[in-house]
Amino acid sequence: MFISLMLMFMGGLFGICMSRKHLLLTLFYLEYLILSLYFVLYFFLLWLGCEIYFVLIFLVFSVCEGALGLGVLVSMIRGHGNDLLGSLSILSW
């Protein structure tokens, strides 16, 4: 179980490193990483026999992170016309 969760986490990190150009793909891989961390946290708290209320708080923060990421994506597409990170430049502001 632990090896599969580590492979899931490493796959998400590899995906983020390989998708540096598109913001949408980066957000997808970030959500994939959060899902793997959710599973790790859930199984760890289950193994300790603790209350699982912290998992609910973690899910609330991950939903807020996803909403902020989509807001940044929408504002970037409205401002620049695409989600390519290469189109952003300090000189173009």
PDB file of N, CA and C in Angstrom:
ATOM      1  N   MET A   1       0.826  -1.192   0.000  1.00  0.00           N
ATOM      2  CA  MET A   1       0.000   0.000   0.000  1.00  0.00           C
ATOM      3  C   MET A   1       0.866   1.251   0.000  1.00  0.00           C
ATOM      4  N   PHE A   2       1.892   1.258   0.858  1.00  0.00           N
ATOM      5  CA  PHE A   2       2.753   2.436   0.957  1.00  0.00           C
ATOM      6  C   PHE A   2       3.519   2.680  -0.340  1.00  0.00           C
ATOM      7  N   ILE A   3       3.944   1.598  -0.983  1.00  0.00           N
ATOM      8  CA  ILE A   3       4.704   1.739  -2.234  1.00  0.00           C
ATOM      9  C   ILE A   3       3.817   2.314  -3.330  1.00  0.00           C
ATOM     10  N   SER A   4       2.571   1.880  -3.395  1.00  0.00           N
ATOM     11  CA  SER A   4       1.681   2.411  -4.423  1.00  0.00           C
ATOM     12  C   SER A   4       1.384   3.895  -4.187  1.00  0.00           C
ATOM     13  N   LEU A   5       1.252   4.311  -2.922  1.00  0.00           N
ATOM     14  CA  LEU A   5       1.033   5.723  -2.636  1.00  0.00           C
ATOM     15  C   LEU A   5       2.272   6.556  -2.944  1.00  0.00           C
ATOM     16  N   MET A   6       3.453   5.995  -2.707  1.00  0.00           N
ATOM     17  CA  MET A   6       4.684   6.709  -3.058  1.00  0.00           C
ATOM     18  C   MET A   6       4.831   6.831  -4.567  1.00  0.00           C
ATOM     19  N   LEU A   7       4.467   5.775  -5.298  1.00  0.00           N
ATOM     20  CA  LEU A   7       4.509   5.846  -6.756  1.00  0.00           C
ATOM     21  C   LEU A   7       3.509   6.876  -7.284  1.00  0.00           C
ATOM     22  N   MET A   8       2.359   6.958  -6.640  1.00  0.00           N
ATOM     23  CA  MET A   8       1.356   7.952  -7.029  1.00  0.00           C
ATOM     24  C   MET A   8       1.898   9.358  -6.806  1.00  0.00           C
ATOM     25  N   PHE A   9       2.543   9.584  -5.670  1.00  0.00           N
ATOM     26  CA  PHE A   9       3.112  10.893  -5.363  1.00  0.00           C
ATOM     27  C   PHE A   9       4.254  11.240  -6.322  1.00  0.00           C
ATOM     28  N   MET A  10       5.132  10.282  -6.580  1.00  0.00           N
ATOM     29  CA  MET A  10       6.254  10.520  -7.497  1.00  0.00           C
ATOM     30  C   MET A  10       5.767  10.755  -8.923  1.00  0.00           C
ATOM     31  N   GLY A  11       4.701  10.077  -9.320  1.00  0.00           N
ATOM     32  CA  GLY A  11       4.128  10.313 -10.642  1.00  0.00           C
ATOM     33  C   GLY A  11       3.588  11.726 -10.776  1.00  0.00           C
ATOM     34  N   GLY A  12       2.967  12.232  -9.714  1.00  0.00           N
ATOM     35  CA  GLY A  12       2.483  13.611  -9.721  1.00  0.00           C
ATOM     36  C   GLY A  12       3.613  14.617  -9.782  1.00  0.00           C
ATOM     37  N   LEU A  13       4.683  14.366  -9.029  1.00  0.00           N
ATOM     38  CA  LEU A  13       5.834  15.264  -9.086  1.00  0.00           C
ATOM     39  C   LEU A  13       6.486  15.249 -10.459  1.00  0.00           C
ATOM     40  N   PHE A  14       6.603  14.061 -11.050  1.00  0.00           N
ATOM     41  CA  PHE A  14       7.175  13.949 -12.393  1.00  0.00           C
ATOM     42  C   PHE A  14       6.303  14.675 -13.412  1.00  0.00           C
ATOM     43  N   GLY A  15       4.991  14.560 -13.257  1.00  0.00           N
ATOM     44  CA  GLY A  15       4.073  15.250 -14.165  1.00  0.00           C
ATOM     45  C   GLY A  15       4.191  16.754 -14.070  1.00  0.00           C
ATOM     46  N   ILE A  16       4.345  17.279 -12.843  1.00  0.00           N
ATOM     47  CA  ILE A  16       4.511  18.721 -12.682  1.00  0.00           C
ATOM     48  C   ILE A  16       5.817  19.180 -13.313  1.00  0.00           C
ATOM     49  N   CYS A  17       6.870  18.382 -13.149  1.00  0.00           N
ATOM     50  CA  CYS A  17       8.150  18.768 -13.744  1.00  0.00           C
ATOM     51  C   CYS A  17       8.103  18.727 -15.266  1.00  0.00           C
ATOM     52  N   MET A  18       7.315  17.844 -15.842  1.00  0.00           N
ATOM     53  CA  MET A  18       7.272  17.714 -17.297  1.00  0.00           C
ATOM     54  C   MET A  18       6.252  18.645 -17.950  1.00  0.00           C
ATOM     55  N   SER A  19       5.297  19.169 -17.201  1.00  0.00           N
ATOM     56  CA  SER A  19       4.275  20.055 -17.792  1.00  0.00           C
ATOM     57  C   SER A  19       4.481  21.487 -17.342  1.00  0.00           C
ATOM     58  N   ARG A  20       5.644  22.036 -17.642  1.00  0.00           N
ATOM     59  CA  ARG A  20       5.953  23.386 -17.198  1.00  0.00           C
ATOM     60  C   ARG A  20       5.309  24.445 -18.061  1.00  0.00           C
ATOM     61  N   LYS A  21       4.801  24.079 -19.228  1.00  0.00           N
ATOM     62  CA  LYS A  21       4.341  25.101 -20.159  1.00  0.00           C
ATOM     63  C   LYS A  21       2.861  25.429 -20.017  1.00  0.00           C
ATOM     64  N   HIS A  22       2.033  24.470 -19.670  1.00  0.00           N
ATOM     65  CA  HIS A  22       0.595  24.695 -19.586  1.00  0.00           C
ATOM     66  C   HIS A  22       0.156  24.750 -18.123  1.00  0.00           C
ATOM     67  N   LEU A  23      -0.554  25.793 -17.789  1.00  0.00           N
ATOM     68  CA  LEU A  23      -1.026  25.958 -16.416  1.00  0.00           C
ATOM     69  C   LEU A  23      -2.112  24.955 -16.072  1.00  0.00           C
ATOM     70  N   LEU A  24      -2.970  24.599 -17.024  1.00  0.00           N
ATOM     71  CA  LEU A  24      -4.048  23.656 -16.748  1.00  0.00           C
ATOM     72  C   LEU A  24      -3.509  22.276 -16.408  1.00  0.00           C
ATOM     73  N   LEU A  25      -2.523  21.810 -17.154  1.00  0.00           N
ATOM     74  CA  LEU A  25      -1.919  20.514 -16.842  1.00  0.00           C
ATOM     75  C   LEU A  25      -1.214  20.534 -15.493  1.00  0.00           C
ATOM     76  N   THR A  26      -0.585  21.648 -15.176  1.00  0.00           N
ATOM     77  CA  THR A  26       0.070  21.773 -13.881  1.00  0.00           C
ATOM     78  C   THR A  26      -0.952  21.714 -12.751  1.00  0.00           C
ATOM     79  N   LEU A  27      -2.101  22.350 -12.942  1.00  0.00           N
ATOM     80  CA  LEU A  27      -3.156  22.287 -11.926  1.00  0.00           C
ATOM     81  C   LEU A  27      -3.715  20.881 -11.777  1.00  0.00           C
ATOM     82  N   PHE A  28      -3.843  20.148 -12.900  1.00  0.00           N
ATOM     83  CA  PHE A  28      -4.298  18.757 -12.817  1.00  0.00           C
ATOM     84  C   PHE A  28      -3.324  17.905 -12.012  1.00  0.00           C
ATOM     85  N   TYR A  29      -2.039  18.059 -12.288  1.00  0.00           N
ATOM     86  CA  TYR A  29      -1.048  17.284 -11.541  1.00  0.00           C
ATOM     87  C   TYR A  29      -0.980  17.707 -10.083  1.00  0.00           C
ATOM     88  N   LEU A  30      -1.225  18.965  -9.795  1.00  0.00           N
ATOM     89  CA  LEU A  30      -1.260  19.418  -8.410  1.00  0.00           C
ATOM     90  C   LEU A  30      -2.432  18.793  -7.659  1.00  0.00           C
ATOM     91  N   GLU A  31      -3.585  18.692  -8.313  1.00  0.00           N
ATOM     92  CA  GLU A  31      -4.722  18.010  -7.696  1.00  0.00           C
ATOM     93  C   GLU A  31      -4.439  16.519  -7.499  1.00  0.00           C
ATOM     94  N   TYR A  32      -3.702  15.935  -8.421  1.00  0.00           N
ATOM     95  CA  TYR A  32      -3.295  14.527  -8.290  1.00  0.00           C
ATOM     96  C   TYR A  32      -2.378  14.350  -7.086  1.00  0.00           C
ATOM     97  N   LEU A  33      -1.468  15.284  -6.874  1.00  0.00           N
ATOM     98  CA  LEU A  33      -0.603  15.237  -5.697  1.00  0.00           C
ATOM     99  C   LEU A  33      -1.408  15.383  -4.410  1.00  0.00           C
ATOM    100  N   ILE A  34      -2.370  16.267  -4.414  1.00  0.00           N
ATOM    101  CA  ILE A  34      -3.200  16.464  -3.225  1.00  0.00           C
ATOM    102  C   ILE A  34      -4.030  15.222  -2.935  1.00  0.00           C
ATOM    103  N   LEU A  35      -4.498  14.556  -3.984  1.00  0.00           N
ATOM    104  CA  LEU A  35      -5.241  13.315  -3.787  1.00  0.00           C
ATOM    105  C   LEU A  35      -4.358  12.233  -3.176  1.00  0.00           C
ATOM    106  N   SER A  36      -3.117  12.136  -3.617  1.00  0.00           N
ATOM    107  CA  SER A  36      -2.217  11.149  -3.030  1.00  0.00           C
ATOM    108  C   SER A  36      -1.896  11.494  -1.580  1.00  0.00           C
ATOM    109  N   LEU A  37      -1.716  12.784  -1.275  1.00  0.00           N
ATOM    110  CA  LEU A  37      -1.489  13.182   0.116  1.00  0.00           C
ATOM    111  C   LEU A  37      -2.716  12.934   0.988  1.00  0.00           C
ATOM    112  N   TYR A  38      -3.905  13.078   0.405  1.00  0.00           N
ATOM    113  CA  TYR A  38      -5.132  12.773   1.132  1.00  0.00           C
ATOM    114  C   TYR A  38      -5.174  11.296   1.525  1.00  0.00           C
ATOM    115  N   PHE A  39      -4.828  10.422   0.590  1.00  0.00           N
ATOM    116  CA  PHE A  39      -4.824   8.994   0.894  1.00  0.00           C
ATOM    117  C   PHE A  39      -3.792   8.656   1.963  1.00  0.00           C
ATOM    118  N   VAL A  40      -2.609   9.263   1.879  1.00  0.00           N
ATOM    119  CA  VAL A  40      -1.573   9.018   2.887  1.00  0.00           C
ATOM    120  C   VAL A  40      -2.046   9.478   4.255  1.00  0.00           C
ATOM    121  N   LEU A  41      -2.625  10.666   4.323  1.00  0.00           N
ATOM    122  CA  LEU A  41      -3.114  11.195   5.591  1.00  0.00           C
ATOM    123  C   LEU A  41      -4.245  10.348   6.158  1.00  0.00           C
ATOM    124  N   TYR A  42      -5.150   9.916   5.293  1.00  0.00           N
ATOM    125  CA  TYR A  42      -6.275   9.106   5.740  1.00  0.00           C
ATOM    126  C   TYR A  42      -5.803   7.777   6.317  1.00  0.00           C
ATOM    127  N   PHE A  43      -4.920   7.088   5.606  1.00  0.00           N
ATOM    128  CA  PHE A  43      -4.437   5.795   6.092  1.00  0.00           C
ATOM    129  C   PHE A  43      -3.558   5.947   7.324  1.00  0.00           C
ATOM    130  N   PHE A  44      -2.807   7.032   7.418  1.00  0.00           N
ATOM    131  CA  PHE A  44      -1.989   7.268   8.604  1.00  0.00           C
ATOM    132  C   PHE A  44      -2.856   7.512   9.826  1.00  0.00           C
ATOM    133  N   LEU A  45      -3.880   8.339   9.689  1.00  0.00           N
ATOM    134  CA  LEU A  45      -4.774   8.587  10.825  1.00  0.00           C
ATOM    135  C   LEU A  45      -5.586   7.343  11.183  1.00  0.00           C
ATOM    136  N   LEU A  46      -5.932   6.553  10.188  1.00  0.00           N
ATOM    137  CA  LEU A  46      -6.643   5.304  10.453  1.00  0.00           C
ATOM    138  C   LEU A  46      -5.748   4.320  11.200  1.00  0.00           C
ATOM    139  N   TRP A  47      -4.476   4.302  10.833  1.00  0.00           N
ATOM    140  CA  TRP A  47      -3.510   3.406  11.468  1.00  0.00           C
ATOM    141  C   TRP A  47      -3.253   3.813  12.921  1.00  0.00           C
ATOM    142  N   LEU A  48      -3.245   5.127  13.182  1.00  0.00           N
ATOM    143  CA  LEU A  48      -3.036   5.604  14.548  1.00  0.00           C
ATOM    144  C   LEU A  48      -4.282   5.470  15.415  1.00  0.00           C
ATOM    145  N   GLY A  49      -5.430   5.320  14.796  1.00  0.00           N
ATOM    146  CA  GLY A  49      -6.672   5.228  15.550  1.00  0.00           C
ATOM    147  C   GLY A  49      -7.188   6.578  15.999  1.00  0.00           C
ATOM    148  N   CYS A  50      -6.780   7.623  15.334  1.00  0.00           N
ATOM    149  CA  CYS A  50      -7.202   8.983  15.690  1.00  0.00           C
ATOM    150  C   CYS A  50      -8.522   9.320  15.009  1.00  0.00           C
ATOM    151  N   GLU A  51      -9.059  10.438  15.400  1.00  0.00           N
ATOM    152  CA  GLU A  51     -10.243  10.956  14.725  1.00  0.00           C
ATOM    153  C   GLU A  51      -9.853  11.436  13.333  1.00  0.00           C
ATOM    154  N   ILE A  52     -10.777  11.356  12.415  1.00  0.00           N
ATOM    155  CA  ILE A  52     -10.472  11.663  11.031  1.00  0.00           C
ATOM    156  C   ILE A  52     -11.053  13.022  10.640  1.00  0.00           C
ATOM    157  N   TYR A  53     -11.263  13.914  11.602  1.00  0.00           N
ATOM    158  CA  TYR A  53     -11.779  15.242  11.301  1.00  0.00           C
ATOM    159  C   TYR A  53     -10.745  16.085  10.555  1.00  0.00           C
ATOM    160  N   PHE A  54      -9.463  15.803  10.811  1.00  0.00           N
ATOM    161  CA  PHE A  54      -8.421  16.559  10.137  1.00  0.00           C
ATOM    162  C   PHE A  54      -8.447  16.323   8.630  1.00  0.00           C
ATOM    163  N   VAL A  55      -8.902  15.153   8.215  1.00  0.00           N
ATOM    164  CA  VAL A  55      -9.010  14.855   6.785  1.00  0.00           C
ATOM    165  C   VAL A  55     -10.050  15.769   6.141  1.00  0.00           C
ATOM    166  N   LEU A  56     -11.114  16.061   6.847  1.00  0.00           N
ATOM    167  CA  LEU A  56     -12.130  16.974   6.332  1.00  0.00           C
ATOM    168  C   LEU A  56     -11.579  18.394   6.185  1.00  0.00           C
ATOM    169  N   ILE A  57     -10.781  18.828   7.138  1.00  0.00           N
ATOM    170  CA  ILE A  57     -10.144  20.142   7.044  1.00  0.00           C
ATOM    171  C   ILE A  57      -9.168  20.166   5.872  1.00  0.00           C
ATOM    172  N   PHE A  58      -8.430  19.084   5.675  1.00  0.00           N
ATOM    173  CA  PHE A  58      -7.511  18.989   4.542  1.00  0.00           C
ATOM    174  C   PHE A  58      -8.267  19.069   3.220  1.00  0.00           C
ATOM    175  N   LEU A  59      -9.418  18.427   3.142  1.00  0.00           N
ATOM    176  CA  LEU A  59     -10.221  18.499   1.921  1.00  0.00           C
ATOM    177  C   LEU A  59     -10.749  19.907   1.667  1.00  0.00           C
ATOM    178  N   VAL A  60     -11.117  20.613   2.718  1.00  0.00           N
ATOM    179  CA  VAL A  60     -11.589  21.995   2.555  1.00  0.00           C
ATOM    180  C   VAL A  60     -10.476  22.874   1.997  1.00  0.00           C
ATOM    181  N   PHE A  61      -9.272  22.736   2.540  1.00  0.00           N
ATOM    182  CA  PHE A  61      -8.153  23.533   2.035  1.00  0.00           C
ATOM    183  C   PHE A  61      -7.778  23.138   0.609  1.00  0.00           C
ATOM    184  N   SER A  62      -7.891  21.869   0.263  1.00  0.00           N
ATOM    185  CA  SER A  62      -7.560  21.458  -1.102  1.00  0.00           C
ATOM    186  C   SER A  62      -8.602  21.974  -2.098  1.00  0.00           C
ATOM    187  N   VAL A  63      -9.861  22.052  -1.699  1.00  0.00           N
ATOM    188  CA  VAL A  63     -10.893  22.626  -2.572  1.00  0.00           C
ATOM    189  C   VAL A  63     -10.644  24.120  -2.758  1.00  0.00           C
ATOM    190  N   CYS A  64     -10.254  24.808  -1.688  1.00  0.00           N
ATOM    191  CA  CYS A  64      -9.929  26.235  -1.807  1.00  0.00           C
ATOM    192  C   CYS A  64      -8.733  26.446  -2.726  1.00  0.00           C
ATOM    193  N   GLU A  65      -7.754  25.570  -2.648  1.00  0.00           N
ATOM    194  CA  GLU A  65      -6.586  25.664  -3.527  1.00  0.00           C
ATOM    195  C   GLU A  65      -6.982  25.452  -4.979  1.00  0.00           C
ATOM    196  N   GLY A  66      -7.862  24.494  -5.221  1.00  0.00           N
ATOM    197  CA  GLY A  66      -8.328  24.245  -6.579  1.00  0.00           C
ATOM    198  C   GLY A  66      -9.119  25.415  -7.136  1.00  0.00           C
ATOM    199  N   ALA A  67      -9.948  26.034  -6.307  1.00  0.00           N
ATOM    200  CA  ALA A  67     -10.721  27.195  -6.758  1.00  0.00           C
ATOM    201  C   ALA A  67      -9.818  28.385  -7.059  1.00  0.00           C
ATOM    202  N   LEU A  68      -8.795  28.586  -6.243  1.00  0.00           N
ATOM    203  CA  LEU A  68      -7.848  29.667  -6.514  1.00  0.00           C
ATOM    204  C   LEU A  68      -7.067  29.409  -7.799  1.00  0.00           C
ATOM    205  N   GLY A  69      -6.681  28.161  -8.013  1.00  0.00           N
ATOM    206  CA  GLY A  69      -5.967  27.813  -9.242  1.00  0.00           C
ATOM    207  C   GLY A  69      -6.816  28.034 -10.479  1.00  0.00           C
ATOM    208  N   LEU A  70      -8.083  27.662 -10.410  1.00  0.00           N
ATOM    209  CA  LEU A  70      -8.970  27.897 -11.554  1.00  0.00           C
ATOM    210  C   LEU A  70      -9.225  29.383 -11.772  1.00  0.00           C
ATOM    211  N   GLY A  71      -9.283  30.154 -10.699  1.00  0.00           N
ATOM    212  CA  GLY A  71      -9.432  31.598 -10.838  1.00  0.00           C
ATOM    213  C   GLY A  71      -8.229  32.224 -11.529  1.00  0.00           C
ATOM    214  N   VAL A  72      -7.038  31.773 -11.167  1.00  0.00           N
ATOM    215  CA  VAL A  72      -5.830  32.260 -11.828  1.00  0.00           C
ATOM    216  C   VAL A  72      -5.818  31.849 -13.292  1.00  0.00           C
ATOM    217  N   LEU A  73      -6.261  30.629 -13.571  1.00  0.00           N
ATOM    218  CA  LEU A  73      -6.310  30.148 -14.953  1.00  0.00           C
ATOM    219  C   LEU A  73      -7.275  30.972 -15.796  1.00  0.00           C
ATOM    220  N   VAL A  74      -8.456  31.262 -15.267  1.00  0.00           N
ATOM    221  CA  VAL A  74      -9.448  32.040 -16.011  1.00  0.00           C
ATOM    222  C   VAL A  74      -8.955  33.462 -16.254  1.00  0.00           C
ATOM    223  N   SER A  75      -8.361  34.074 -15.236  1.00  0.00           N
ATOM    224  CA  SER A  75      -7.854  35.441 -15.435  1.00  0.00           C
ATOM    225  C   SER A  75      -6.685  35.469 -16.404  1.00  0.00           C
ATOM    226  N   MET A  76      -5.880  34.411 -16.419  1.00  0.00           N
ATOM    227  CA  MET A  76      -4.768  34.350 -17.363  1.00  0.00           C
ATOM    228  C   MET A  76      -5.266  34.156 -18.790  1.00  0.00           C
ATOM    229  N   ILE A  77      -6.276  33.333 -18.967  1.00  0.00           N
ATOM    230  CA  ILE A  77      -6.824  33.117 -20.309  1.00  0.00           C
ATOM    231  C   ILE A  77      -7.521  34.379 -20.813  1.00  0.00           C
ATOM    232  N   ARG A  78      -8.218  35.088 -19.934  1.00  0.00           N
ATOM    233  CA  ARG A  78      -8.868  36.336 -20.351  1.00  0.00           C
ATOM    234  C   ARG A  78      -7.850  37.423 -20.683  1.00  0.00           C
ATOM    235  N   GLY A  79      -6.748  37.423 -19.960  1.00  0.00           N
ATOM    236  CA  GLY A  79      -5.756  38.470 -20.173  1.00  0.00           C
ATOM    237  C   GLY A  79      -4.801  38.194 -21.329  1.00  0.00           C
ATOM    238  N   HIS A  80      -4.436  36.928 -21.506  1.00  0.00           N
ATOM    239  CA  HIS A  80      -3.419  36.592 -22.503  1.00  0.00           C
ATOM    240  C   HIS A  80      -3.951  35.747 -23.658  1.00  0.00           C
ATOM    241  N   GLY A  81      -5.109  35.154 -23.513  1.00  0.00           N
ATOM    242  CA  GLY A  81      -5.697  34.384 -24.607  1.00  0.00           C
ATOM    243  C   GLY A  81      -5.351  32.916 -24.608  1.00  0.00           C
ATOM    244  N   ASN A  82      -4.429  32.465 -23.761  1.00  0.00           N
ATOM    245  CA  ASN A  82      -4.090  31.048 -23.683  1.00  0.00           C
ATOM    246  C   ASN A  82      -3.579  30.735 -22.284  1.00  0.00           C
ATOM    247  N   ASP A  83      -3.277  29.454 -22.061  1.00  0.00           N
ATOM    248  CA  ASP A  83      -2.763  29.075 -20.753  1.00  0.00           C
ATOM    249  C   ASP A  83      -1.286  28.726 -20.811  1.00  0.00           C
ATOM    250  N   LEU A  84      -0.583  29.195 -21.819  1.00  0.00           N
ATOM    251  CA  LEU A  84       0.842  28.945 -21.918  1.00  0.00           C
ATOM    252  C   LEU A  84       1.593  29.859 -20.952  1.00  0.00           C
ATOM    253  N   LEU A  85       2.431  29.256 -20.120  1.00  0.00           N
ATOM    254  CA  LEU A  85       3.169  30.062 -19.172  1.00  0.00           C
ATOM    255  C   LEU A  85       4.272  30.857 -19.848  1.00  0.00           C
ATOM    256  N   GLY A  86       4.678  30.450 -21.054  1.00  0.00           N
ATOM    257  CA  GLY A  86       5.707  31.177 -21.782  1.00  0.00           C
ATOM    258  C   GLY A  86       5.224  32.520 -22.290  1.00  0.00           C
ATOM    259  N   SER A  87       3.921  32.711 -22.383  1.00  0.00           N
ATOM    260  CA  SER A  87       3.387  33.997 -22.868  1.00  0.00           C
ATOM    261  C   SER A  87       3.459  35.069 -21.785  1.00  0.00           C
ATOM    262  N   LEU A  88       3.684  34.671 -20.544  1.00  0.00           N
ATOM    263  CA  LEU A  88       3.818  35.652 -19.474  1.00  0.00           C
ATOM    264  C   LEU A  88       5.236  36.210 -19.468  1.00  0.00           C
ATOM    265  N   SER A  89       5.346  37.482 -19.388  1.00  0.00           N
ATOM    266  CA  SER A  89       6.657  38.124 -19.343  1.00  0.00           C
ATOM    267  C   SER A  89       6.560  39.347 -18.449  1.00  0.00           C
ATOM    268  N   ILE A  90       7.634  39.642 -17.785  1.00  0.00           N
ATOM    269  CA  ILE A  90       7.651  40.814 -16.909  1.00  0.00           C
ATOM    270  C   ILE A  90       7.589  42.091 -17.750  1.00  0.00           C
ATOM    271  N   LEU A  91       8.141  42.047 -18.959  1.00  0.00           N
ATOM    272  CA  LEU A  91       8.175  43.228 -19.801  1.00  0.00           C
ATOM    273  C   LEU A  91       6.837  43.539 -20.433  1.00  0.00           C
ATOM    274  N   SER A  92       5.930  42.549 -20.500  1.00  0.00           N
ATOM    275  CA  SER A  92       4.651  42.783 -21.183  1.00  0.00           C
ATOM    276  C   SER A  92       3.629  43.468 -20.286  1.00  0.00           C
ATOM    277  N   TRP A  93       3.883  43.638 -19.026  1.00  0.00           N
ATOM    278  CA  TRP A  93       2.909  44.259 -18.133  1.00  0.00           C
ATOM    279  C   TRP A  93       2.897  45.707 -18.332  1.00  0.00           C
TER     280      TRP A  93
END
